[in-house]
Amino acid sequence: LYATSDDHGQHPLFAIDVATGKVRTVVGEGSVGGYDLGKSR
């Protein structure tokens, strides 16, 4: 799953592993507004 959220003065895009709940930052610096997903992009 992908979602944005405020984080220490930034607004990154995060990826969340559905099975484990592990969260990683995909794009961190600045503010991510709208976004879209493809199969590999």
PDB file of all heavy atoms in Angstrom:
ATOM      1  N   LEU A   1       0.849  -1.182   0.000  1.00  0.00           N
ATOM      2  CA  LEU A   1       0.000   0.000   0.000  1.00  0.00           C
ATOM      3  C   LEU A   1       0.892   1.242   0.000  1.00  0.00           C
ATOM      4  O   LEU A   1       1.997   1.223   0.569  1.00  0.00           O
ATOM      5  CB  LEU A   1      -0.909   0.021   1.226  1.00  0.00           C
ATOM      6  CG  LEU A   1      -2.042  -1.000   1.256  1.00  0.00           C
ATOM      7  CD1 LEU A   1      -2.603  -1.127   2.666  1.00  0.00           C
ATOM      8  CD2 LEU A   1      -3.142  -0.620   0.278  1.00  0.00           C
ATOM      9  N   TYR A   2       0.389   2.309  -0.604  1.00  0.00           N
ATOM     10  CA  TYR A   2       1.111   3.576  -0.640  1.00  0.00           C
ATOM     11  C   TYR A   2       0.241   4.661  -0.023  1.00  0.00           C
ATOM     12  O   TYR A   2      -0.980   4.679  -0.196  1.00  0.00           O
ATOM     13  CB  TYR A   2       1.474   3.951  -2.075  1.00  0.00           C
ATOM     14  CG  TYR A   2       2.535   3.070  -2.694  1.00  0.00           C
ATOM     15  CD1 TYR A   2       2.216   1.816  -3.194  1.00  0.00           C
ATOM     16  CD2 TYR A   2       3.862   3.483  -2.770  1.00  0.00           C
ATOM     17  CE1 TYR A   2       3.178   0.993  -3.764  1.00  0.00           C
ATOM     18  CE2 TYR A   2       4.835   2.673  -3.332  1.00  0.00           C
ATOM     19  CZ  TYR A   2       4.490   1.427  -3.829  1.00  0.00           C
ATOM     20  OH  TYR A   2       5.454   0.622  -4.383  1.00  0.00           O
ATOM     21  N   ALA A   3       0.897   5.562   0.717  1.00  0.00           N
ATOM     22  CA  ALA A   3       0.183   6.672   1.346  1.00  0.00           C
ATOM     23  C   ALA A   3       1.179   7.780   1.650  1.00  0.00           C
ATOM     24  O   ALA A   3       2.367   7.523   1.879  1.00  0.00           O
ATOM     25  CB  ALA A   3      -0.519   6.235   2.630  1.00  0.00           C
ATOM     26  N   THR A   4       0.695   9.007   1.681  1.00  0.00           N
ATOM     27  CA  THR A   4       1.504  10.139   2.125  1.00  0.00           C
ATOM     28  C   THR A   4       1.140  10.479   3.569  1.00  0.00           C
ATOM     29  O   THR A   4       0.073  10.118   4.061  1.00  0.00           O
ATOM     30  CB  THR A   4       1.293  11.375   1.247  1.00  0.00           C
ATOM     31  OG1 THR A   4      -0.091  11.737   1.281  1.00  0.00           O
ATOM     32  CG2 THR A   4       1.720  11.111  -0.192  1.00  0.00           C
ATOM     33  N   SER A   5       2.048  11.177   4.239  1.00  0.00           N
ATOM     34  CA  SER A   5       1.780  11.629   5.605  1.00  0.00           C
ATOM     35  C   SER A   5       2.808  12.682   5.987  1.00  0.00           C
ATOM     36  O   SER A   5       3.939  12.666   5.496  1.00  0.00           O
ATOM     37  CB  SER A   5       1.847  10.456   6.586  1.00  0.00           C
ATOM     38  OG  SER A   5       1.519  10.880   7.902  1.00  0.00           O
ATOM     39  N   ASP A   6       2.418  13.592   6.887  1.00  0.00           N
ATOM     40  CA  ASP A   6       3.386  14.538   7.439  1.00  0.00           C
ATOM     41  C   ASP A   6       4.413  13.789   8.269  1.00  0.00           C
ATOM     42  O   ASP A   6       4.081  12.824   8.987  1.00  0.00           O
ATOM     43  CB  ASP A   6       2.674  15.568   8.322  1.00  0.00           C
ATOM     44  CG  ASP A   6       1.888  16.583   7.519  1.00  0.00           C
ATOM     45  OD1 ASP A   6       2.110  16.686   6.297  1.00  0.00           O
ATOM     46  OD2 ASP A   6       1.042  17.283   8.110  1.00  0.00           O
ATOM     47  N   ASP A   7       5.673  14.256   8.194  1.00  0.00           N
ATOM     48  CA  ASP A   7       6.733  13.587   8.933  1.00  0.00           C
ATOM     49  C   ASP A   7       7.894  14.552   9.158  1.00  0.00           C
ATOM     50  O   ASP A   7       8.678  14.817   8.256  1.00  0.00           O
ATOM     51  CB  ASP A   7       7.217  12.350   8.163  1.00  0.00           C
ATOM     52  CG  ASP A   7       8.226  11.535   8.958  1.00  0.00           C
ATOM     53  OD1 ASP A   7       7.889  11.089  10.072  1.00  0.00           O
ATOM     54  OD2 ASP A   7       9.355  11.360   8.459  1.00  0.00           O
ATOM     55  N   HIS A   8       7.976  15.102  10.372  1.00  0.00           N
ATOM     56  CA  HIS A   8       9.089  15.969  10.782  1.00  0.00           C
ATOM     57  C   HIS A   8       9.360  17.075   9.765  1.00  0.00           C
ATOM     58  O   HIS A   8      10.493  17.301   9.332  1.00  0.00           O
ATOM     59  CB  HIS A   8      10.351  15.148  11.015  1.00  0.00           C
ATOM     60  CG  HIS A   8      10.270  14.251  12.219  1.00  0.00           C
ATOM     61  ND1 HIS A   8      10.373  14.712  13.516  1.00  0.00           N
ATOM     62  CD2 HIS A   8      10.053  12.913  12.314  1.00  0.00           C
ATOM     63  CE1 HIS A   8      10.250  13.705  14.359  1.00  0.00           C
ATOM     64  NE2 HIS A   8      10.045  12.595  13.661  1.00  0.00           N
ATOM     65  N   GLY A   9       8.309  17.785   9.374  1.00  0.00           N
ATOM     66  CA  GLY A   9       8.476  18.929   8.499  1.00  0.00           C
ATOM     67  C   GLY A   9       8.505  18.597   7.020  1.00  0.00           C
ATOM     68  O   GLY A   9       8.607  19.494   6.186  1.00  0.00           O
ATOM     69  N   GLN A  10       8.409  17.326   6.682  1.00  0.00           N
ATOM     70  CA  GLN A  10       8.309  16.893   5.289  1.00  0.00           C
ATOM     71  C   GLN A  10       6.937  16.246   5.089  1.00  0.00           C
ATOM     72  O   GLN A  10       6.216  15.977   6.044  1.00  0.00           O
ATOM     73  CB  GLN A  10       9.421  15.894   4.941  1.00  0.00           C
ATOM     74  CG  GLN A  10      10.817  16.303   5.383  1.00  0.00           C
ATOM     75  CD  GLN A  10      11.365  17.507   4.648  1.00  0.00           C
ATOM     76  OE1 GLN A  10      11.028  17.770   3.498  1.00  0.00           O
ATOM     77  NE2 GLN A  10      12.228  18.287   5.316  1.00  0.00           N
ATOM     78  N   HIS A  11       6.589  15.974   3.823  1.00  0.00           N
ATOM     79  CA  HIS A  11       5.350  15.251   3.520  1.00  0.00           C
ATOM     80  C   HIS A  11       5.694  14.165   2.499  1.00  0.00           C
ATOM     81  O   HIS A  11       5.408  14.289   1.312  1.00  0.00           O
ATOM     82  CB  HIS A  11       4.283  16.198   2.979  1.00  0.00           C
ATOM     83  CG  HIS A  11       2.921  15.583   2.881  1.00  0.00           C
ATOM     84  ND1 HIS A  11       2.118  15.351   3.973  1.00  0.00           N
ATOM     85  CD2 HIS A  11       2.224  15.119   1.810  1.00  0.00           C
ATOM     86  CE1 HIS A  11       0.983  14.796   3.589  1.00  0.00           C
ATOM     87  NE2 HIS A  11       1.029  14.634   2.275  1.00  0.00           N
ATOM     88  N   PRO A  12       6.319  13.075   2.970  1.00  0.00           N
ATOM     89  CA  PRO A  12       6.823  12.043   2.061  1.00  0.00           C
ATOM     90  C   PRO A  12       5.731  11.104   1.554  1.00  0.00           C
ATOM     91  O   PRO A  12       4.593  11.091   2.036  1.00  0.00           O
ATOM     92  CB  PRO A  12       7.813  11.262   2.941  1.00  0.00           C
ATOM     93  CG  PRO A  12       7.999  12.069   4.185  1.00  0.00           C
ATOM     94  CD  PRO A  12       6.732  12.845   4.353  1.00  0.00           C
ATOM     95  N   LEU A  13       6.132  10.276   0.587  1.00  0.00           N
ATOM     96  CA  LEU A  13       5.346   9.137   0.142  1.00  0.00           C
ATOM     97  C   LEU A  13       5.934   7.889   0.787  1.00  0.00           C
ATOM     98  O   LEU A  13       7.151   7.668   0.735  1.00  0.00           O
ATOM     99  CB  LEU A  13       5.386   9.016  -1.385  1.00  0.00           C
ATOM    100  CG  LEU A  13       4.659   7.810  -1.985  1.00  0.00           C
ATOM    101  CD1 LEU A  13       3.172   7.869  -1.715  1.00  0.00           C
ATOM    102  CD2 LEU A  13       4.933   7.726  -3.486  1.00  0.00           C
ATOM    103  N   PHE A  14       5.058   7.088   1.402  1.00  0.00           N
ATOM    104  CA  PHE A  14       5.474   5.880   2.095  1.00  0.00           C
ATOM    105  C   PHE A  14       4.905   4.644   1.413  1.00  0.00           C
ATOM    106  O   PHE A  14       3.834   4.696   0.779  1.00  0.00           O
ATOM    107  CB  PHE A  14       4.994   5.894   3.552  1.00  0.00           C
ATOM    108  CG  PHE A  14       5.590   6.995   4.388  1.00  0.00           C
ATOM    109  CD1 PHE A  14       4.933   8.205   4.537  1.00  0.00           C
ATOM    110  CD2 PHE A  14       6.806   6.818   5.021  1.00  0.00           C
ATOM    111  CE1 PHE A  14       5.475   9.221   5.308  1.00  0.00           C
ATOM    112  CE2 PHE A  14       7.362   7.828   5.798  1.00  0.00           C
ATOM    113  CZ  PHE A  14       6.696   9.033   5.943  1.00  0.00           C
ATOM    114  N   ALA A  15       5.614   3.522   1.562  1.00  0.00           N
ATOM    115  CA  ALA A  15       5.129   2.217   1.131  1.00  0.00           C
ATOM    116  C   ALA A  15       4.961   1.345   2.370  1.00  0.00           C
ATOM    117  O   ALA A  15       5.841   1.302   3.235  1.00  0.00           O
ATOM    118  CB  ALA A  15       6.106   1.575   0.153  1.00  0.00           C
ATOM    119  N   ILE A  16       3.831   0.658   2.450  1.00  0.00           N
ATOM    120  CA  ILE A  16       3.505  -0.157   3.621  1.00  0.00           C
ATOM    121  C   ILE A  16       3.318  -1.597   3.182  1.00  0.00           C
ATOM    122  O   ILE A  16       2.465  -1.889   2.331  1.00  0.00           O
ATOM    123  CB  ILE A  16       2.221   0.353   4.314  1.00  0.00           C
ATOM    124  CG1 ILE A  16       2.372   1.835   4.690  1.00  0.00           C
ATOM    125  CG2 ILE A  16       1.923  -0.485   5.548  1.00  0.00           C
ATOM    126  CD1 ILE A  16       1.767   2.805   3.690  1.00  0.00           C
ATOM    127  N   ASP A  17       4.108  -2.486   3.724  1.00  0.00           N
ATOM    128  CA  ASP A  17       3.993  -3.901   3.406  1.00  0.00           C
ATOM    129  C   ASP A  17       2.716  -4.454   4.027  1.00  0.00           C
ATOM    130  O   ASP A  17       2.525  -4.369   5.249  1.00  0.00           O
ATOM    131  CB  ASP A  17       5.216  -4.664   3.921  1.00  0.00           C
ATOM    132  CG  ASP A  17       5.222  -6.114   3.492  1.00  0.00           C
ATOM    133  OD1 ASP A  17       4.521  -6.927   4.133  1.00  0.00           O
ATOM    134  OD2 ASP A  17       5.913  -6.430   2.511  1.00  0.00           O
ATOM    135  N   VAL A  18       1.835  -5.003   3.207  1.00  0.00           N
ATOM    136  CA  VAL A  18       0.526  -5.452   3.673  1.00  0.00           C
ATOM    137  C   VAL A  18       0.650  -6.594   4.679  1.00  0.00           C
ATOM    138  O   VAL A  18      -0.108  -6.657   5.661  1.00  0.00           O
ATOM    139  CB  VAL A  18      -0.334  -5.873   2.461  1.00  0.00           C
ATOM    140  CG1 VAL A  18      -1.550  -6.660   2.911  1.00  0.00           C
ATOM    141  CG2 VAL A  18      -0.763  -4.662   1.662  1.00  0.00           C
ATOM    142  N   ALA A  19       1.595  -7.475   4.473  1.00  0.00           N
ATOM    143  CA  ALA A  19       1.715  -8.653   5.331  1.00  0.00           C
ATOM    144  C   ALA A  19       2.357  -8.333   6.675  1.00  0.00           C
ATOM    145  O   ALA A  19       1.900  -8.809   7.724  1.00  0.00           O
ATOM    146  CB  ALA A  19       2.514  -9.736   4.613  1.00  0.00           C
ATOM    147  N   THR A  20       3.421  -7.539   6.670  1.00  0.00           N
ATOM    148  CA  THR A  20       4.188  -7.299   7.889  1.00  0.00           C
ATOM    149  C   THR A  20       3.896  -5.964   8.553  1.00  0.00           C
ATOM    150  O   THR A  20       4.221  -5.767   9.720  1.00  0.00           O
ATOM    151  CB  THR A  20       5.696  -7.361   7.582  1.00  0.00           C
ATOM    152  OG1 THR A  20       6.041  -6.251   6.723  1.00  0.00           O
ATOM    153  CG2 THR A  20       6.052  -8.677   6.894  1.00  0.00           C
ATOM    154  N   GLY A  21       3.315  -5.013   7.811  1.00  0.00           N
ATOM    155  CA  GLY A  21       3.099  -3.677   8.342  1.00  0.00           C
ATOM    156  C   GLY A  21       4.346  -2.819   8.336  1.00  0.00           C
ATOM    157  O   GLY A  21       4.333  -1.690   8.844  1.00  0.00           O
ATOM    158  N   LYS A  22       5.432  -3.312   7.760  1.00  0.00           N
ATOM    159  CA  LYS A  22       6.663  -2.545   7.709  1.00  0.00           C
ATOM    160  C   LYS A  22       6.484  -1.342   6.791  1.00  0.00           C
ATOM    161  O   LYS A  22       5.946  -1.456   5.692  1.00  0.00           O
ATOM    162  CB  LYS A  22       7.813  -3.417   7.208  1.00  0.00           C
ATOM    163  CG  LYS A  22       9.161  -2.703   7.185  1.00  0.00           C
ATOM    164  CD  LYS A  22      10.271  -3.619   6.702  1.00  0.00           C
ATOM    165  CE  LYS A  22      11.612  -2.908   6.661  1.00  0.00           C
ATOM    166  NZ  LYS A  22      12.707  -3.803   6.179  1.00  0.00           N
ATOM    167  N   VAL A  23       6.956  -0.188   7.242  1.00  0.00           N
ATOM    168  CA  VAL A  23       6.800   1.062   6.494  1.00  0.00           C
ATOM    169  C   VAL A  23       8.172   1.554   6.057  1.00  0.00           C
ATOM    170  O   VAL A  23       9.120   1.582   6.839  1.00  0.00           O
ATOM    171  CB  VAL A  23       6.112   2.142   7.349  1.00  0.00           C
ATOM    172  CG1 VAL A  23       5.962   3.437   6.566  1.00  0.00           C
ATOM    173  CG2 VAL A  23       4.749   1.650   7.840  1.00  0.00           C
ATOM    174  N   ARG A  24       8.275   1.934   4.804  1.00  0.00           N
ATOM    175  CA  ARG A  24       9.519   2.525   4.309  1.00  0.00           C
ATOM    176  C   ARG A  24       9.204   3.806   3.539  1.00  0.00           C
ATOM    177  O   ARG A  24       8.126   3.954   2.965  1.00  0.00           O
ATOM    178  CB  ARG A  24      10.287   1.551   3.422  1.00  0.00           C
ATOM    179  CG  ARG A  24       9.547   1.117   2.177  1.00  0.00           C
ATOM    180  CD  ARG A  24      10.397   0.174   1.318  1.00  0.00           C
ATOM    181  NE  ARG A  24       9.627  -0.378   0.219  1.00  0.00           N
ATOM    182  CZ  ARG A  24       9.405   0.254  -0.933  1.00  0.00           C
ATOM    183  NH1 ARG A  24       9.907   1.474  -1.114  1.00  0.00           N
ATOM    184  NH2 ARG A  24       8.697  -0.316  -1.895  1.00  0.00           N
ATOM    185  N   THR A  25      10.147   4.726   3.558  1.00  0.00           N
ATOM    186  CA  THR A  25       9.998   5.980   2.830  1.00  0.00           C
ATOM    187  C   THR A  25      10.372   5.764   1.373  1.00  0.00           C
ATOM    188  O   THR A  25      11.458   5.263   1.069  1.00  0.00           O
ATOM    189  CB  THR A  25      10.888   7.069   3.443  1.00  0.00           C
ATOM    190  OG1 THR A  25      10.544   7.243   4.815  1.00  0.00           O
ATOM    191  CG2 THR A  25      10.703   8.388   2.707  1.00  0.00           C
ATOM    192  N   VAL A  26       9.482   6.157   0.474  1.00  0.00           N
ATOM    193  CA  VAL A  26       9.734   6.018  -0.963  1.00  0.00           C
ATOM    194  C   VAL A  26      10.356   7.299  -1.508  1.00  0.00           C
ATOM    195  O   VAL A  26      11.385   7.272  -2.161  1.00  0.00           O
ATOM    196  CB  VAL A  26       8.424   5.688  -1.712  1.00  0.00           C
ATOM    197  CG1 VAL A  26       8.682   5.554  -3.215  1.00  0.00           C
ATOM    198  CG2 VAL A  26       7.804   4.413  -1.171  1.00  0.00           C
ATOM    199  N   VAL A  27       9.707   8.428  -1.255  1.00  0.00           N
ATOM    200  CA  VAL A  27      10.245   9.742  -1.626  1.00  0.00           C
ATOM    201  C   VAL A  27      10.122  10.619  -0.394  1.00  0.00           C
ATOM    202  O   VAL A  27       9.015  10.853   0.096  1.00  0.00           O
ATOM    203  CB  VAL A  27       9.475  10.361  -2.807  1.00  0.00           C
ATOM    204  CG1 VAL A  27      10.014  11.751  -3.129  1.00  0.00           C
ATOM    205  CG2 VAL A  27       9.569   9.463  -4.039  1.00  0.00           C
ATOM    206  N   GLY A  28      11.245  11.104   0.128  1.00  0.00           N
ATOM    207  CA  GLY A  28      11.238  11.720   1.442  1.00  0.00           C
ATOM    208  C   GLY A  28      11.237  13.227   1.490  1.00  0.00           C
ATOM    209  O   GLY A  28      10.414  13.841   2.140  1.00  0.00           O
ATOM    210  N   GLU A  29      12.170  13.872   0.807  1.00  0.00           N
ATOM    211  CA  GLU A  29      12.342  15.316   0.935  1.00  0.00           C
ATOM    212  C   GLU A  29      11.234  16.071   0.220  1.00  0.00           C
ATOM    213  O   GLU A  29      10.773  15.672  -0.844  1.00  0.00           O
ATOM    214  CB  GLU A  29      13.698  15.737   0.378  1.00  0.00           C
ATOM    215  CG  GLU A  29      14.882  15.252   1.193  1.00  0.00           C
ATOM    216  CD  GLU A  29      14.907  15.835   2.584  1.00  0.00           C
ATOM    217  OE1 GLU A  29      14.754  17.068   2.715  1.00  0.00           O
ATOM    218  OE2 GLU A  29      15.073  15.063   3.537  1.00  0.00           O
ATOM    219  N   GLY A  30      10.802  17.193   0.825  1.00  0.00           N
ATOM    220  CA  GLY A  30       9.769  18.020   0.221  1.00  0.00           C
ATOM    221  C   GLY A  30       8.385  17.492   0.518  1.00  0.00           C
ATOM    222  O   GLY A  30       8.150  16.795   1.510  1.00  0.00           O
ATOM    223  N   SER A  31       7.457  17.820  -0.369  1.00  0.00           N
ATOM    224  CA  SER A  31       6.062  17.457  -0.174  1.00  0.00           C
ATOM    225  C   SER A  31       5.543  16.747  -1.420  1.00  0.00           C
ATOM    226  O   SER A  31       5.577  17.307  -2.516  1.00  0.00           O
ATOM    227  CB  SER A  31       5.219  18.710   0.095  1.00  0.00           C
ATOM    228  OG  SER A  31       3.855  18.382   0.242  1.00  0.00           O
ATOM    229  N   VAL A  32       5.082  15.514  -1.243  1.00  0.00           N
ATOM    230  CA  VAL A  32       4.488  14.746  -2.336  1.00  0.00           C
ATOM    231  C   VAL A  32       2.987  14.988  -2.313  1.00  0.00           C
ATOM    232  O   VAL A  32       2.320  14.742  -1.306  1.00  0.00           O
ATOM    233  CB  VAL A  32       4.794  13.240  -2.208  1.00  0.00           C
ATOM    234  CG1 VAL A  32       4.065  12.457  -3.313  1.00  0.00           C
ATOM    235  CG2 VAL A  32       6.294  12.997  -2.280  1.00  0.00           C
ATOM    236  N   GLY A  33       2.451  15.494  -3.414  1.00  0.00           N
ATOM    237  CA  GLY A  33       1.015  15.721  -3.531  1.00  0.00           C
ATOM    238  C   GLY A  33       0.352  14.534  -4.184  1.00  0.00           C
ATOM    239  O   GLY A  33       0.382  13.417  -3.683  1.00  0.00           O
ATOM    240  N   GLY A  34      -0.239  14.742  -5.367  1.00  0.00           N
ATOM    241  CA  GLY A  34      -0.842  13.629  -6.077  1.00  0.00           C
ATOM    242  C   GLY A  34       0.205  12.660  -6.599  1.00  0.00           C
ATOM    243  O   GLY A  34       1.349  13.041  -6.882  1.00  0.00           O
ATOM    244  N   TYR A  35      -0.187  11.404  -6.738  1.00  0.00           N
ATOM    245  CA  TYR A  35       0.718  10.400  -7.295  1.00  0.00           C
ATOM    246  C   TYR A  35      -0.105   9.271  -7.896  1.00  0.00           C
ATOM    247  O   TYR A  35      -1.289   9.110  -7.606  1.00  0.00           O
ATOM    248  CB  TYR A  35       1.669   9.854  -6.221  1.00  0.00           C
ATOM    249  CG  TYR A  35       0.991   9.073  -5.120  1.00  0.00           C
ATOM    250  CD1 TYR A  35       0.926   7.684  -5.156  1.00  0.00           C
ATOM    251  CD2 TYR A  35       0.406   9.726  -4.036  1.00  0.00           C
ATOM    252  CE1 TYR A  35       0.289   6.962  -4.142  1.00  0.00           C
ATOM    253  CE2 TYR A  35      -0.233   9.018  -3.027  1.00  0.00           C
ATOM    254  CZ  TYR A  35      -0.275   7.639  -3.088  1.00  0.00           C
ATOM    255  OH  TYR A  35      -0.909   6.934  -2.092  1.00  0.00           O
ATOM    256  N   ASP A  36       0.530   8.473  -8.756  1.00  0.00           N
ATOM    257  CA  ASP A  36      -0.144   7.341  -9.377  1.00  0.00           C
ATOM    258  C   ASP A  36       0.847   6.202  -9.529  1.00  0.00           C
ATOM    259  O   ASP A  36       2.055   6.429  -9.671  1.00  0.00           O
ATOM    260  CB  ASP A  36      -0.737   7.742 -10.730  1.00  0.00           C
ATOM    261  CG  ASP A  36      -1.861   6.809 -11.179  1.00  0.00           C
ATOM    262  OD1 ASP A  36      -2.312   5.986 -10.355  1.00  0.00           O
ATOM    263  OD2 ASP A  36      -2.284   6.901 -12.347  1.00  0.00           O
ATOM    264  N   LEU A  37       0.320   4.988  -9.523  1.00  0.00           N
ATOM    265  CA  LEU A  37       1.139   3.785  -9.585  1.00  0.00           C
ATOM    266  C   LEU A  37       0.946   3.058 -10.897  1.00  0.00           C
ATOM    267  O   LEU A  37      -0.174   2.951 -11.406  1.00  0.00           O
ATOM    268  CB  LEU A  37       0.764   2.806  -8.464  1.00  0.00           C
ATOM    269  CG  LEU A  37       0.781   3.272  -7.025  1.00  0.00           C
ATOM    270  CD1 LEU A  37       0.284   2.154  -6.123  1.00  0.00           C
ATOM    271  CD2 LEU A  37       2.179   3.690  -6.633  1.00  0.00           C
ATOM    272  N   GLY A  38       2.028   2.524 -11.438  1.00  0.00           N
ATOM    273  CA  GLY A  38       1.976   1.571 -12.529  1.00  0.00           C
ATOM    274  C   GLY A  38       2.524   0.245 -12.050  1.00  0.00           C
ATOM    275  O   GLY A  38       2.787   0.057 -10.864  1.00  0.00           O
ATOM    276  N   LYS A  39       2.714  -0.674 -12.975  1.00  0.00           N
ATOM    277  CA  LYS A  39       3.252  -1.980 -12.595  1.00  0.00           C
ATOM    278  C   LYS A  39       4.702  -1.882 -12.144  1.00  0.00           C
ATOM    279  O   LYS A  39       5.159  -2.675 -11.314  1.00  0.00           O
ATOM    280  CB  LYS A  39       3.118  -2.946 -13.767  1.00  0.00           C
ATOM    281  CG  LYS A  39       1.671  -3.286 -14.110  1.00  0.00           C
ATOM    282  CD  LYS A  39       1.597  -4.260 -15.276  1.00  0.00           C
ATOM    283  CE  LYS A  39       0.143  -4.585 -15.595  1.00  0.00           C
ATOM    284  NZ  LYS A  39       0.017  -5.515 -16.753  1.00  0.00           N
ATOM    285  N   SER A  40       5.433  -0.914 -12.679  1.00  0.00           N
ATOM    286  CA  SER A  40       6.850  -0.799 -12.323  1.00  0.00           C
ATOM    287  C   SER A  40       7.297   0.643 -12.153  1.00  0.00           C
ATOM    288  O   SER A  40       8.481   0.897 -11.977  1.00  0.00           O
ATOM    289  CB  SER A  40       7.711  -1.467 -13.405  1.00  0.00           C
ATOM    290  OG  SER A  40       7.511  -0.834 -14.662  1.00  0.00           O
ATOM    291  N   ARG A  41       6.365   1.577 -12.179  1.00  0.00           N
ATOM    292  CA  ARG A  41       6.751   2.992 -12.175  1.00  0.00           C
ATOM    293  C   ARG A  41       5.821   3.813 -11.300  1.00  0.00           C
ATOM    294  O   ARG A  41       4.633   3.522 -11.188  1.00  0.00           O
ATOM    295  CB  ARG A  41       6.734   3.517 -13.610  1.00  0.00           C
ATOM    296  CG  ARG A  41       6.909   4.998 -13.769  1.00  0.00           C
ATOM    297  CD  ARG A  41       6.883   5.409 -15.230  1.00  0.00           C
ATOM    298  NE  ARG A  41       8.214   5.324 -15.831  1.00  0.00           N
ATOM    299  CZ  ARG A  41       8.465   5.572 -17.110  1.00  0.00           C
ATOM    300  NH1 ARG A  41       7.475   5.877 -17.924  1.00  0.00           N
ATOM    301  NH2 ARG A  41       9.689   5.505 -17.566  1.00  0.00           N
TER     302      ARG A  41
END
